[in-house]
Amino acid sequence: MLMAVISDKGYVCDAQVIRGLDKETDKKAAGAVRQWHFQPARKDGHAVPVVVTVEVSYWRKDGELVQFPATPTLTQTQDESAH
């Protein structure tokens, strides 16, 4: 699991492992997340930076790390001003 800072433009500014497996896998997971782009969070109608937690799934074949997920698909946005 990683903690990521998402800018008001939707770019990942920082990604830190908060619960990992091993150094190699953790480094690759953080690198993959840093390449993602999100729809910016919004508050009162304006884009704002946020801190989020991200769970990264991966696959191993014969003990070797073979694939990290591509950029996540945005499934829902939430405008906090609506609450």
C-alpha atoms as a PDB file:
ATOM      1  CA  MET A   1       0.000   0.000   0.000  1.00  0.00           C
ATOM      2  CA  LEU A   2       1.280   3.463  -0.853  1.00  0.00           C
ATOM      3  CA  MET A   3       0.506   6.996   0.199  1.00  0.00           C
ATOM      4  CA  ALA A   4       0.499   9.373  -2.757  1.00  0.00           C
ATOM      5  CA  VAL A   5       0.258  13.144  -3.086  1.00  0.00           C
ATOM      6  CA  ILE A   6      -1.872  14.121  -6.089  1.00  0.00           C
ATOM      7  CA  SER A   7      -1.462  17.686  -7.388  1.00  0.00           C
ATOM      8  CA  ASP A   8      -4.302  20.006  -8.344  1.00  0.00           C
ATOM      9  CA  LYS A   9      -3.434  19.063 -11.958  1.00  0.00           C
ATOM     10  CA  GLY A  10      -3.859  15.330 -11.231  1.00  0.00           C
ATOM     11  CA  TYR A  11      -0.171  14.384 -11.315  1.00  0.00           C
ATOM     12  CA  VAL A  12       1.411  12.196  -8.650  1.00  0.00           C
ATOM     13  CA  CYS A  13       3.922  14.442  -6.858  1.00  0.00           C
ATOM     14  CA  ASP A  14       5.134  11.829  -4.384  1.00  0.00           C
ATOM     15  CA  ALA A  15       4.496   8.171  -3.614  1.00  0.00           C
ATOM     16  CA  GLN A  16       5.744   6.453  -0.467  1.00  0.00           C
ATOM     17  CA  VAL A  17       5.279   2.811   0.498  1.00  0.00           C
ATOM     18  CA  ILE A  18       3.450   2.493   3.816  1.00  0.00           C
ATOM     19  CA  ARG A  19       3.023  -1.294   3.720  1.00  0.00           C
ATOM     20  CA  GLY A  20       5.222  -3.221   1.343  1.00  0.00           C
ATOM     21  CA  LEU A  21       6.660  -6.602   0.508  1.00  0.00           C
ATOM     22  CA  ASP A  22      10.347  -6.218  -0.302  1.00  0.00           C
ATOM     23  CA  LYS A  23      12.639  -3.407  -1.459  1.00  0.00           C
ATOM     24  CA  GLU A  24      12.577  -4.344  -5.164  1.00  0.00           C
ATOM     25  CA  THR A  25       8.802  -4.715  -5.345  1.00  0.00           C
ATOM     26  CA  ASP A  26       8.213  -1.577  -3.251  1.00  0.00           C
ATOM     27  CA  LYS A  27      10.496   0.482  -5.508  1.00  0.00           C
ATOM     28  CA  LYS A  28       8.721  -0.744  -8.649  1.00  0.00           C
ATOM     29  CA  ALA A  29       5.282  -0.131  -7.135  1.00  0.00           C
ATOM     30  CA  ALA A  30       6.168   3.459  -6.185  1.00  0.00           C
ATOM     31  CA  GLY A  31       7.627   4.026  -9.673  1.00  0.00           C
ATOM     32  CA  ALA A  32       4.459   2.714 -11.323  1.00  0.00           C
ATOM     33  CA  VAL A  33       2.210   4.935  -9.203  1.00  0.00           C
ATOM     34  CA  ARG A  34       4.348   8.018  -9.981  1.00  0.00           C
ATOM     35  CA  GLN A  35       3.482   7.525 -13.673  1.00  0.00           C
ATOM     36  CA  TRP A  36      -0.258   7.600 -13.102  1.00  0.00           C
ATOM     37  CA  HIS A  37      -2.454  10.633 -13.733  1.00  0.00           C
ATOM     38  CA  PHE A  38      -5.737  11.257 -11.960  1.00  0.00           C
ATOM     39  CA  GLN A  39      -8.673  13.550 -12.462  1.00  0.00           C
ATOM     40  CA  PRO A  40      -7.982  16.269  -9.863  1.00  0.00           C
ATOM     41  CA  ALA A  41      -9.950  16.289  -6.633  1.00  0.00           C
ATOM     42  CA  ARG A  42     -12.286  19.240  -6.267  1.00  0.00           C
ATOM     43  CA  LYS A  43     -13.413  21.333  -3.334  1.00  0.00           C
ATOM     44  CA  ASP A  44     -15.865  24.205  -3.686  1.00  0.00           C
ATOM     45  CA  GLY A  45     -15.616  23.776  -7.453  1.00  0.00           C
ATOM     46  CA  HIS A  46     -11.822  24.200  -7.567  1.00  0.00           C
ATOM     47  CA  ALA A  47      -9.131  21.593  -8.188  1.00  0.00           C
ATOM     48  CA  VAL A  48      -7.119  20.881  -5.021  1.00  0.00           C
ATOM     49  CA  PRO A  49      -4.142  18.693  -4.126  1.00  0.00           C
ATOM     50  CA  VAL A  50      -4.902  15.619  -2.012  1.00  0.00           C
ATOM     51  CA  VAL A  51      -3.161  12.781  -0.207  1.00  0.00           C
ATOM     52  CA  VAL A  52      -4.542   9.326  -1.005  1.00  0.00           C
ATOM     53  CA  THR A  53      -3.720   5.726  -0.205  1.00  0.00           C
ATOM     54  CA  VAL A  54      -3.276   3.411  -3.162  1.00  0.00           C
ATOM     55  CA  GLU A  55      -3.277  -0.374  -3.208  1.00  0.00           C
ATOM     56  CA  VAL A  56      -1.112  -1.779  -5.995  1.00  0.00           C
ATOM     57  CA  SER A  57      -1.721  -5.246  -7.422  1.00  0.00           C
ATOM     58  CA  TYR A  58       0.989  -7.072  -9.309  1.00  0.00           C
ATOM     59  CA  TRP A  59       1.718 -10.479 -10.782  1.00  0.00           C
ATOM     60  CA  ARG A  60       4.623 -12.868 -10.328  1.00  0.00           C
ATOM     61  CA  LYS A  61       5.584 -15.785 -12.558  1.00  0.00           C
ATOM     62  CA  ASP A  62       8.123 -18.305 -11.320  1.00  0.00           C
ATOM     63  CA  GLY A  63       9.000 -15.891  -8.495  1.00  0.00           C
ATOM     64  CA  GLU A  64       9.744 -13.005 -10.874  1.00  0.00           C
ATOM     65  CA  LEU A  65       7.797  -9.762 -10.909  1.00  0.00           C
ATOM     66  CA  VAL A  66       6.269  -9.625 -14.394  1.00  0.00           C
ATOM     67  CA  GLN A  67       3.621  -6.899 -14.462  1.00  0.00           C
ATOM     68  CA  PHE A  68       2.379  -3.834 -12.643  1.00  0.00           C
ATOM     69  CA  PRO A  69      -0.982  -2.327 -13.482  1.00  0.00           C
ATOM     70  CA  ALA A  70      -1.369   0.459 -16.006  1.00  0.00           C
ATOM     71  CA  THR A  71      -2.832   3.806 -15.036  1.00  0.00           C
ATOM     72  CA  PRO A  72      -6.005   3.222 -13.003  1.00  0.00           C
ATOM     73  CA  THR A  73      -9.394   3.883 -14.501  1.00  0.00           C
ATOM     74  CA  LEU A  74     -11.300   6.654 -12.788  1.00  0.00           C
ATOM     75  CA  THR A  75     -14.578   5.199 -11.579  1.00  0.00           C
ATOM     76  CA  GLN A  76     -16.043   8.081  -9.591  1.00  0.00           C
ATOM     77  CA  THR A  77     -15.242  11.662  -8.697  1.00  0.00           C
ATOM     78  CA  GLN A  78     -16.564  13.493  -5.721  1.00  0.00           C
ATOM     79  CA  ASP A  79     -17.000  17.217  -5.338  1.00  0.00           C
ATOM     80  CA  GLU A  80     -16.735  17.881  -1.602  1.00  0.00           C
ATOM     81  CA  SER A  81     -18.715  21.103  -1.994  1.00  0.00           C
ATOM     82  CA  ALA A  82     -21.813  18.987  -2.652  1.00  0.00           C
ATOM     83  CA  HIS A  83     -21.737  17.700   0.958  1.00  0.00           C
END
